[in-house]
Amino acid sequence: MSSSQSYNQLLDPMVRFFGFMIFSTIGMGIIALVILAGPITQYYSDHAILTTYRKDIEALEKVCDQHRQLLANLDDPSVMERAAINYLNYVPGDVDPSKVTTLPEPWPALKQALAMVRKDDILPAPTLLQASTRIISENSSYQILLMAFGTALIVVSMTCFCRANPASAVRK
């Protein structure tokens, strides 16, 4: 027996093993992706909704804390006057009306428009996994095609890489 034959006898099972592992893993991964595409898509949409709700709750907690601080300082007239100036556009009576600067006309409209547009609502670009699972879950033809492709890879790995070595079958 030459050294090249022994080398080939060692290399052949390793090549078959790695070929089997690669093809069957890819095939099973594709089948798992097709099966889990719907739940993964639902998870990402639920996660986005929960994130917006958490941000809304944090904003409400900040407003609630501010109001608690105002109520704690209810007896202090300067705090209440500052709150009235900030929230109610109150102009104190002791201030000279000629020194009060009025806002230009477009300013309230701009402030209202900015209040309506929330920067938190801008969604980040979907990742590759999010986009692909959404496309797969929406198109049944893609699901069937990918399922067939994954099955074909598994069948190829079983038939081509799991054969018994003909030399070992002859020896037995």
C-alpha atoms as a PDB file:
ATOM      1  CA  MET A   1       0.000   0.000   0.000  1.00  0.00           C
ATOM      2  CA  SER A   2       1.495   3.303  -1.020  1.00  0.00           C
ATOM      3  CA  SER A   3       1.412   6.506   0.948  1.00  0.00           C
ATOM      4  CA  SER A   4      -0.909   8.175  -1.579  1.00  0.00           C
ATOM      5  CA  GLN A   5      -3.519   5.446  -1.100  1.00  0.00           C
ATOM      6  CA  SER A   6      -3.419   5.753   2.671  1.00  0.00           C
ATOM      7  CA  TYR A   7      -3.644   9.523   2.348  1.00  0.00           C
ATOM      8  CA  ASN A   8      -6.677   9.178   0.065  1.00  0.00           C
ATOM      9  CA  GLN A   9      -8.255   6.698   2.458  1.00  0.00           C
ATOM     10  CA  LEU A  10      -7.930   9.231   5.267  1.00  0.00           C
ATOM     11  CA  LEU A  11      -8.970  12.199   3.162  1.00  0.00           C
ATOM     12  CA  ASP A  12     -12.036  10.605   1.583  1.00  0.00           C
ATOM     13  CA  PRO A  13     -14.019  10.114   4.849  1.00  0.00           C
ATOM     14  CA  MET A  14     -13.142  13.639   6.015  1.00  0.00           C
ATOM     15  CA  VAL A  15     -14.288  15.181   2.727  1.00  0.00           C
ATOM     16  CA  ARG A  16     -17.516  13.192   2.870  1.00  0.00           C
ATOM     17  CA  PHE A  17     -18.063  14.182   6.505  1.00  0.00           C
ATOM     18  CA  PHE A  18     -17.500  17.903   5.878  1.00  0.00           C
ATOM     19  CA  GLY A  19     -19.573  17.800   2.679  1.00  0.00           C
ATOM     20  CA  PHE A  20     -22.375  16.112   4.581  1.00  0.00           C
ATOM     21  CA  MET A  21     -22.164  18.650   7.434  1.00  0.00           C
ATOM     22  CA  ILE A  22     -22.116  21.684   5.147  1.00  0.00           C
ATOM     23  CA  PHE A  23     -24.938  20.613   2.820  1.00  0.00           C
ATOM     24  CA  SER A  24     -27.210  19.229   5.530  1.00  0.00           C
ATOM     25  CA  THR A  25     -26.658  22.234   7.833  1.00  0.00           C
ATOM     26  CA  ILE A  26     -27.484  24.698   5.077  1.00  0.00           C
ATOM     27  CA  GLY A  27     -30.551  22.660   4.091  1.00  0.00           C
ATOM     28  CA  MET A  28     -31.823  22.417   7.667  1.00  0.00           C
ATOM     29  CA  GLY A  29     -31.127  26.122   8.223  1.00  0.00           C
ATOM     30  CA  ILE A  30     -33.186  27.055   5.168  1.00  0.00           C
ATOM     31  CA  ILE A  31     -36.068  24.845   6.291  1.00  0.00           C
ATOM     32  CA  ALA A  32     -35.917  26.341   9.800  1.00  0.00           C
ATOM     33  CA  LEU A  33     -35.906  29.871   8.349  1.00  0.00           C
ATOM     34  CA  VAL A  34     -38.990  29.116   6.263  1.00  0.00           C
ATOM     35  CA  ILE A  35     -40.818  27.600   9.241  1.00  0.00           C
ATOM     36  CA  LEU A  36     -39.858  30.425  11.629  1.00  0.00           C
ATOM     37  CA  ALA A  37     -40.244  33.347   9.192  1.00  0.00           C
ATOM     38  CA  GLY A  38     -43.729  34.258  10.443  1.00  0.00           C
ATOM     39  CA  PRO A  39     -42.899  34.186  14.161  1.00  0.00           C
ATOM     40  CA  ILE A  40     -39.648  36.105  13.606  1.00  0.00           C
ATOM     41  CA  THR A  41     -41.502  38.813  11.676  1.00  0.00           C
ATOM     42  CA  GLN A  42     -44.124  39.011  14.435  1.00  0.00           C
ATOM     43  CA  TYR A  43     -41.375  39.254  17.060  1.00  0.00           C
ATOM     44  CA  TYR A  44     -39.741  42.241  15.357  1.00  0.00           C
ATOM     45  CA  SER A  45     -43.052  44.070  14.942  1.00  0.00           C
ATOM     46  CA  ASP A  46     -43.987  43.398  18.584  1.00  0.00           C
ATOM     47  CA  HIS A  47     -40.551  44.587  19.668  1.00  0.00           C
ATOM     48  CA  ALA A  48     -41.011  47.851  17.749  1.00  0.00           C
ATOM     49  CA  ILE A  49     -44.421  48.423  19.343  1.00  0.00           C
ATOM     50  CA  LEU A  50     -43.072  47.729  22.832  1.00  0.00           C
ATOM     51  CA  THR A  51     -40.182  50.116  22.244  1.00  0.00           C
ATOM     52  CA  THR A  52     -42.535  52.958  21.292  1.00  0.00           C
ATOM     53  CA  TYR A  53     -44.740  52.217  24.319  1.00  0.00           C
ATOM     54  CA  ARG A  54     -41.712  52.272  26.617  1.00  0.00           C
ATOM     55  CA  LYS A  55     -40.624  55.630  25.225  1.00  0.00           C
ATOM     56  CA  ASP A  56     -44.157  56.987  25.704  1.00  0.00           C
ATOM     57  CA  ILE A  57     -44.218  55.717  29.293  1.00  0.00           C
ATOM     58  CA  GLU A  58     -40.842  57.338  30.013  1.00  0.00           C
ATOM     59  CA  ALA A  59     -42.105  60.652  28.631  1.00  0.00           C
ATOM     60  CA  LEU A  60     -45.256  60.404  30.740  1.00  0.00           C
ATOM     61  CA  GLU A  61     -43.188  59.602  33.828  1.00  0.00           C
ATOM     62  CA  LYS A  62     -41.091  62.724  33.242  1.00  0.00           C
ATOM     63  CA  VAL A  63     -44.221  64.868  32.942  1.00  0.00           C
ATOM     64  CA  CYS A  64     -45.670  63.236  36.047  1.00  0.00           C
ATOM     65  CA  ASP A  65     -42.455  63.942  38.001  1.00  0.00           C
ATOM     66  CA  GLN A  66     -42.523  67.566  36.892  1.00  0.00           C
ATOM     67  CA  HIS A  67     -46.110  67.928  38.058  1.00  0.00           C
ATOM     68  CA  ARG A  68     -45.282  66.279  41.376  1.00  0.00           C
ATOM     69  CA  GLN A  69     -42.494  68.810  41.878  1.00  0.00           C
ATOM     70  CA  LEU A  70     -44.872  71.639  41.051  1.00  0.00           C
ATOM     71  CA  LEU A  71     -47.456  70.321  43.507  1.00  0.00           C
ATOM     72  CA  ALA A  72     -44.781  69.935  46.189  1.00  0.00           C
ATOM     73  CA  ASN A  73     -43.907  73.630  45.753  1.00  0.00           C
ATOM     74  CA  LEU A  74     -47.501  74.809  45.538  1.00  0.00           C
ATOM     75  CA  ASP A  75     -47.007  77.314  48.356  1.00  0.00           C
ATOM     76  CA  ASP A  76     -44.006  78.978  46.686  1.00  0.00           C
ATOM     77  CA  PRO A  77     -45.407  81.785  44.463  1.00  0.00           C
ATOM     78  CA  SER A  78     -42.297  82.062  42.313  1.00  0.00           C
ATOM     79  CA  VAL A  79     -42.521  78.417  41.247  1.00  0.00           C
ATOM     80  CA  MET A  80     -46.184  78.728  40.357  1.00  0.00           C
ATOM     81  CA  GLU A  81     -45.553  81.960  38.473  1.00  0.00           C
ATOM     82  CA  ARG A  82     -42.750  80.367  36.449  1.00  0.00           C
ATOM     83  CA  ALA A  83     -44.995  77.399  35.685  1.00  0.00           C
ATOM     84  CA  ALA A  84     -47.775  79.724  34.556  1.00  0.00           C
ATOM     85  CA  ILE A  85     -45.324  81.634  32.351  1.00  0.00           C
ATOM     86  CA  ASN A  86     -43.985  78.439  30.780  1.00  0.00           C
ATOM     87  CA  TYR A  87     -47.184  76.442  30.360  1.00  0.00           C
ATOM     88  CA  LEU A  88     -49.974  79.017  30.155  1.00  0.00           C
ATOM     89  CA  ASN A  89     -48.175  81.916  28.445  1.00  0.00           C
ATOM     90  CA  TYR A  90     -49.005  84.028  31.478  1.00  0.00           C
ATOM     91  CA  VAL A  91     -47.606  87.555  31.512  1.00  0.00           C
ATOM     92  CA  PRO A  92     -47.087  88.889  35.048  1.00  0.00           C
ATOM     93  CA  GLY A  93     -48.872  92.118  35.882  1.00  0.00           C
ATOM     94  CA  ASP A  94     -45.790  93.846  37.283  1.00  0.00           C
ATOM     95  CA  VAL A  95     -43.891  93.560  33.994  1.00  0.00           C
ATOM     96  CA  ASP A  96     -44.012  96.540  31.670  1.00  0.00           C
ATOM     97  CA  PRO A  97     -46.037  95.475  28.596  1.00  0.00           C
ATOM     98  CA  SER A  98     -43.759  97.504  26.324  1.00  0.00           C
ATOM     99  CA  LYS A  99     -40.769  95.338  27.330  1.00  0.00           C
ATOM    100  CA  VAL A 100     -42.510  92.016  26.676  1.00  0.00           C
ATOM    101  CA  THR A 101     -41.361  90.544  23.400  1.00  0.00           C
ATOM    102  CA  THR A 102     -44.008  88.747  21.420  1.00  0.00           C
ATOM    103  CA  LEU A 103     -43.245  85.766  19.309  1.00  0.00           C
ATOM    104  CA  PRO A 104     -43.461  86.160  15.551  1.00  0.00           C
ATOM    105  CA  GLU A 105     -46.556  84.719  13.937  1.00  0.00           C
ATOM    106  CA  PRO A 106     -44.981  81.629  12.317  1.00  0.00           C
ATOM    107  CA  TRP A 107     -43.363  80.574  15.618  1.00  0.00           C
ATOM    108  CA  PRO A 108     -46.530  79.068  17.246  1.00  0.00           C
ATOM    109  CA  ALA A 109     -47.353  77.232  14.028  1.00  0.00           C
ATOM    110  CA  LEU A 110     -43.813  75.862  13.863  1.00  0.00           C
ATOM    111  CA  LYS A 111     -43.933  74.829  17.510  1.00  0.00           C
ATOM    112  CA  GLN A 112     -47.238  73.046  16.923  1.00  0.00           C
ATOM    113  CA  ALA A 113     -45.908  71.270  13.833  1.00  0.00           C
ATOM    114  CA  LEU A 114     -42.802  70.139  15.691  1.00  0.00           C
ATOM    115  CA  ALA A 115     -44.972  68.839  18.518  1.00  0.00           C
ATOM    116  CA  MET A 116     -46.922  66.725  16.044  1.00  0.00           C
ATOM    117  CA  VAL A 117     -43.826  65.254  14.432  1.00  0.00           C
ATOM    118  CA  ARG A 118     -42.226  62.916  16.906  1.00  0.00           C
ATOM    119  CA  LYS A 119     -38.618  62.071  16.332  1.00  0.00           C
ATOM    120  CA  ASP A 120     -39.118  58.773  18.169  1.00  0.00           C
ATOM    121  CA  ASP A 121     -41.489  57.524  15.462  1.00  0.00           C
ATOM    122  CA  ILE A 122     -38.757  57.408  12.834  1.00  0.00           C
ATOM    123  CA  LEU A 123     -38.066  53.715  12.452  1.00  0.00           C
ATOM    124  CA  PRO A 124     -34.559  52.445  11.784  1.00  0.00           C
ATOM    125  CA  ALA A 125     -33.868  50.604   8.556  1.00  0.00           C
ATOM    126  CA  PRO A 126     -34.731  46.919   8.865  1.00  0.00           C
ATOM    127  CA  THR A 127     -31.860  44.471   9.104  1.00  0.00           C
ATOM    128  CA  LEU A 128     -31.262  41.793   6.503  1.00  0.00           C
ATOM    129  CA  LEU A 129     -32.925  39.169   8.699  1.00  0.00           C
ATOM    130  CA  GLN A 130     -35.991  41.356   9.276  1.00  0.00           C
ATOM    131  CA  ALA A 131     -36.407  42.132   5.584  1.00  0.00           C
ATOM    132  CA  SER A 132     -35.863  38.557   4.422  1.00  0.00           C
ATOM    133  CA  THR A 133     -38.220  37.015   6.992  1.00  0.00           C
ATOM    134  CA  ARG A 134     -40.913  39.555   6.100  1.00  0.00           C
ATOM    135  CA  ILE A 135     -40.568  38.736   2.397  1.00  0.00           C
ATOM    136  CA  ILE A 136     -40.580  34.988   3.051  1.00  0.00           C
ATOM    137  CA  SER A 137     -43.586  35.136   5.376  1.00  0.00           C
ATOM    138  CA  GLU A 138     -45.591  37.237   2.916  1.00  0.00           C
ATOM    139  CA  ASN A 139     -44.945  35.093  -0.194  1.00  0.00           C
ATOM    140  CA  SER A 140     -46.036  31.468  -0.083  1.00  0.00           C
ATOM    141  CA  SER A 141     -44.291  30.768  -3.394  1.00  0.00           C
ATOM    142  CA  TYR A 142     -40.960  31.705  -1.787  1.00  0.00           C
ATOM    143  CA  GLN A 143     -41.764  29.434   1.131  1.00  0.00           C
ATOM    144  CA  ILE A 144     -42.432  26.482  -1.157  1.00  0.00           C
ATOM    145  CA  LEU A 145     -39.339  27.174  -3.257  1.00  0.00           C
ATOM    146  CA  LEU A 146     -37.038  27.532  -0.251  1.00  0.00           C
ATOM    147  CA  MET A 147     -38.522  24.469   1.435  1.00  0.00           C
ATOM    148  CA  ALA A 148     -37.876  22.431  -1.731  1.00  0.00           C
ATOM    149  CA  PHE A 149     -34.340  23.811  -1.988  1.00  0.00           C
ATOM    150  CA  GLY A 150     -33.579  22.955   1.644  1.00  0.00           C
ATOM    151  CA  THR A 151     -35.006  19.466   1.205  1.00  0.00           C
ATOM    152  CA  ALA A 152     -32.949  18.988  -1.964  1.00  0.00           C
ATOM    153  CA  LEU A 153     -29.782  19.968  -0.115  1.00  0.00           C
ATOM    154  CA  ILE A 154     -30.511  17.458   2.627  1.00  0.00           C
ATOM    155  CA  VAL A 155     -31.245  14.725   0.075  1.00  0.00           C
ATOM    156  CA  VAL A 156     -28.019  15.535  -1.789  1.00  0.00           C
ATOM    157  CA  SER A 157     -26.034  15.403   1.429  1.00  0.00           C
ATOM    158  CA  MET A 158     -27.588  12.048   2.347  1.00  0.00           C
ATOM    159  CA  THR A 159     -27.128  10.434  -1.038  1.00  0.00           C
ATOM    160  CA  CYS A 160     -23.737  11.790  -2.019  1.00  0.00           C
ATOM    161  CA  PHE A 161     -21.895  12.002   1.263  1.00  0.00           C
ATOM    162  CA  CYS A 162     -23.302   9.102   3.308  1.00  0.00           C
ATOM    163  CA  ARG A 163     -22.471   6.254   0.945  1.00  0.00           C
ATOM    164  CA  ALA A 164     -20.409   3.445   2.253  1.00  0.00           C
ATOM    165  CA  ASN A 165     -16.914   3.289   0.844  1.00  0.00           C
ATOM    166  CA  PRO A 166     -16.981   0.686  -1.973  1.00  0.00           C
ATOM    167  CA  ALA A 167     -13.552  -0.628  -0.947  1.00  0.00           C
ATOM    168  CA  SER A 168     -14.727  -1.294   2.596  1.00  0.00           C
ATOM    169  CA  ALA A 169     -17.861  -3.040   1.336  1.00  0.00           C
ATOM    170  CA  VAL A 170     -15.740  -5.371  -0.797  1.00  0.00           C
ATOM    171  CA  ARG A 171     -13.436  -6.267   2.118  1.00  0.00           C
ATOM    172  CA  LYS A 172     -16.323  -7.377   4.337  1.00  0.00           C
END
